[in-house]
Structure formats: structure tokens, C-alpha cells
């Protein structure tokens, strides 16, 4: 069940990214989406190991995810 949900939201995010970046094919868009997942999940797993405030972590992850997605602001 969890795998099906993950596949469904990955598809939705790939579709959304392709709407913003029509030059990407499905495979390229999916790789970008998965890279952002890895970035965010990796940072979340740091949890208490980081001394960043929630606000600072949110800003950092937001800018890093935006750079990965390369979407206009």
C-alpha cells in the first residue's frame, strides 16, 4: 500500500514539474523529483544531530530543493 501511494505522489510531482519545465522528459523529471526526496529525507533524518533551527533548516532545504528543480520563482 505504501509503495502504491509513493508511486502515485511521485507521478503527480513529475507531472507538476513537467508542467513547469516542459523541456524535461518523464525520466529526467522523475530523477529530479527523486533527488529532491533524497535531499529532504536525508535532512529530516539528521533530526537532533543538527543545531539548525526549524526556520533555518526550512530556508536551506527550500533553496536546495529549488536549485534541484530549477523552476522559476
C-alpha atoms as a PDB file:
ATOM      1  CA  UNK A   1       0.000   0.000   0.000  1.00  0.00           C
ATOM      2  CA  UNK A   2       2.744   2.476   0.948  1.00  0.00           C
ATOM      3  CA  UNK A   3       4.615   1.739  -2.273  1.00  0.00           C
ATOM      4  CA  UNK A   4       1.492   2.441  -4.328  1.00  0.00           C
ATOM      5  CA  UNK A   5       0.960   5.739  -2.535  1.00  0.00           C
ATOM      6  CA  UNK A   6       4.585   6.709  -3.074  1.00  0.00           C
ATOM      7  CA  UNK A   7       4.329   5.870  -6.771  1.00  0.00           C
ATOM      8  CA  UNK A   8       1.132   7.924  -7.047  1.00  0.00           C
ATOM      9  CA  UNK A   9       2.549  11.061  -5.465  1.00  0.00           C
ATOM     10  CA  UNK A  10       5.796  10.676  -7.402  1.00  0.00           C
ATOM     11  CA  UNK A  11       3.749  10.599 -10.614  1.00  0.00           C
ATOM     12  CA  UNK A  12       1.849  13.702  -9.552  1.00  0.00           C
ATOM     13  CA  UNK A  13       5.034  15.587  -8.742  1.00  0.00           C
ATOM     14  CA  UNK A  14       6.644  14.508 -12.013  1.00  0.00           C
ATOM     15  CA  UNK A  15       3.574  15.764 -13.861  1.00  0.00           C
ATOM     16  CA  UNK A  16       3.654  19.076 -11.979  1.00  0.00           C
ATOM     17  CA  UNK A  17       7.367  19.501 -12.685  1.00  0.00           C
ATOM     18  CA  UNK A  18       6.849  18.763 -16.380  1.00  0.00           C
ATOM     19  CA  UNK A  19       4.133  21.423 -16.476  1.00  0.00           C
ATOM     20  CA  UNK A  20       6.655  23.928 -15.138  1.00  0.00           C
ATOM     21  CA  UNK A  21       9.555  22.553 -17.180  1.00  0.00           C
ATOM     22  CA  UNK A  22       8.116  21.204 -20.449  1.00  0.00           C
ATOM     23  CA  UNK A  23      11.606  20.648 -21.873  1.00  0.00           C
ATOM     24  CA  UNK A  24      12.075  17.707 -19.479  1.00  0.00           C
ATOM     25  CA  UNK A  25      11.074  14.198 -20.452  1.00  0.00           C
ATOM     26  CA  UNK A  26       9.412  11.922 -17.890  1.00  0.00           C
ATOM     27  CA  UNK A  27      12.630  10.133 -16.964  1.00  0.00           C
ATOM     28  CA  UNK A  28      14.582  13.332 -16.328  1.00  0.00           C
ATOM     29  CA  UNK A  29      11.725  14.862 -14.326  1.00  0.00           C
ATOM     30  CA  UNK A  30      11.417  11.708 -12.221  1.00  0.00           C
ATOM     31  CA  UNK A  31      15.136  11.713 -11.429  1.00  0.00           C
ATOM     32  CA  UNK A  32      14.896  15.339 -10.277  1.00  0.00           C
ATOM     33  CA  UNK A  33      11.851  14.575  -8.106  1.00  0.00           C
ATOM     34  CA  UNK A  34      13.610  11.595  -6.548  1.00  0.00           C
ATOM     35  CA  UNK A  35      16.738  13.692  -5.881  1.00  0.00           C
ATOM     36  CA  UNK A  36      14.608  16.216  -4.010  1.00  0.00           C
ATOM     37  CA  UNK A  37      13.049  13.377  -1.972  1.00  0.00           C
ATOM     38  CA  UNK A  38      16.539  12.161  -1.041  1.00  0.00           C
ATOM     39  CA  UNK A  39      17.608  15.674  -0.081  1.00  0.00           C
ATOM     40  CA  UNK A  40      14.620  16.279   2.153  1.00  0.00           C
ATOM     41  CA  UNK A  41      14.537  12.787   3.683  1.00  0.00           C
ATOM     42  CA  UNK A  42      18.256  12.921   4.374  1.00  0.00           C
ATOM     43  CA  UNK A  43      17.949  16.266   6.136  1.00  0.00           C
ATOM     44  CA  UNK A  44      14.965  15.095   8.161  1.00  0.00           C
ATOM     45  CA  UNK A  45      16.876  12.016   9.275  1.00  0.00           C
ATOM     46  CA  UNK A  46      19.540  14.311  10.762  1.00  0.00           C
ATOM     47  CA  UNK A  47      16.917  15.406  13.256  1.00  0.00           C
ATOM     48  CA  UNK A  48      18.556  16.308  16.544  1.00  0.00           C
ATOM     49  CA  UNK A  49      22.043  15.896  15.067  1.00  0.00           C
ATOM     50  CA  UNK A  50      21.785  19.387  13.601  1.00  0.00           C
ATOM     51  CA  UNK A  51      21.706  22.600  15.571  1.00  0.00           C
ATOM     52  CA  UNK A  52      19.861  24.427  12.809  1.00  0.00           C
ATOM     53  CA  UNK A  53      16.607  25.994  13.889  1.00  0.00           C
ATOM     54  CA  UNK A  54      13.477  24.816  12.098  1.00  0.00           C
ATOM     55  CA  UNK A  55      13.318  28.150  10.263  1.00  0.00           C
ATOM     56  CA  UNK A  56      16.950  27.916   9.111  1.00  0.00           C
ATOM     57  CA  UNK A  57      16.540  24.281   8.018  1.00  0.00           C
ATOM     58  CA  UNK A  58      13.354  25.147   6.125  1.00  0.00           C
ATOM     59  CA  UNK A  59      15.124  28.003   4.308  1.00  0.00           C
ATOM     60  CA  UNK A  60      18.140  25.840   3.466  1.00  0.00           C
ATOM     61  CA  UNK A  61      16.076  22.912   2.194  1.00  0.00           C
ATOM     62  CA  UNK A  62      13.818  25.266   0.259  1.00  0.00           C
ATOM     63  CA  UNK A  63      16.721  26.845  -1.584  1.00  0.00           C
ATOM     64  CA  UNK A  64      18.403  23.480  -2.223  1.00  0.00           C
ATOM     65  CA  UNK A  65      15.175  21.892  -3.481  1.00  0.00           C
ATOM     66  CA  UNK A  66      14.526  24.921  -5.673  1.00  0.00           C
ATOM     67  CA  UNK A  67      18.010  24.618  -7.146  1.00  0.00           C
ATOM     68  CA  UNK A  68      17.404  20.921  -7.892  1.00  0.00           C
ATOM     69  CA  UNK A  69      14.045  21.630  -9.518  1.00  0.00           C
ATOM     70  CA  UNK A  70      15.341  24.628 -11.483  1.00  0.00           C
ATOM     71  CA  UNK A  71      11.876  26.181 -11.598  1.00  0.00           C
ATOM     72  CA  UNK A  72      11.288  29.911 -11.977  1.00  0.00           C
ATOM     73  CA  UNK A  73      10.394  31.638  -8.713  1.00  0.00           C
END
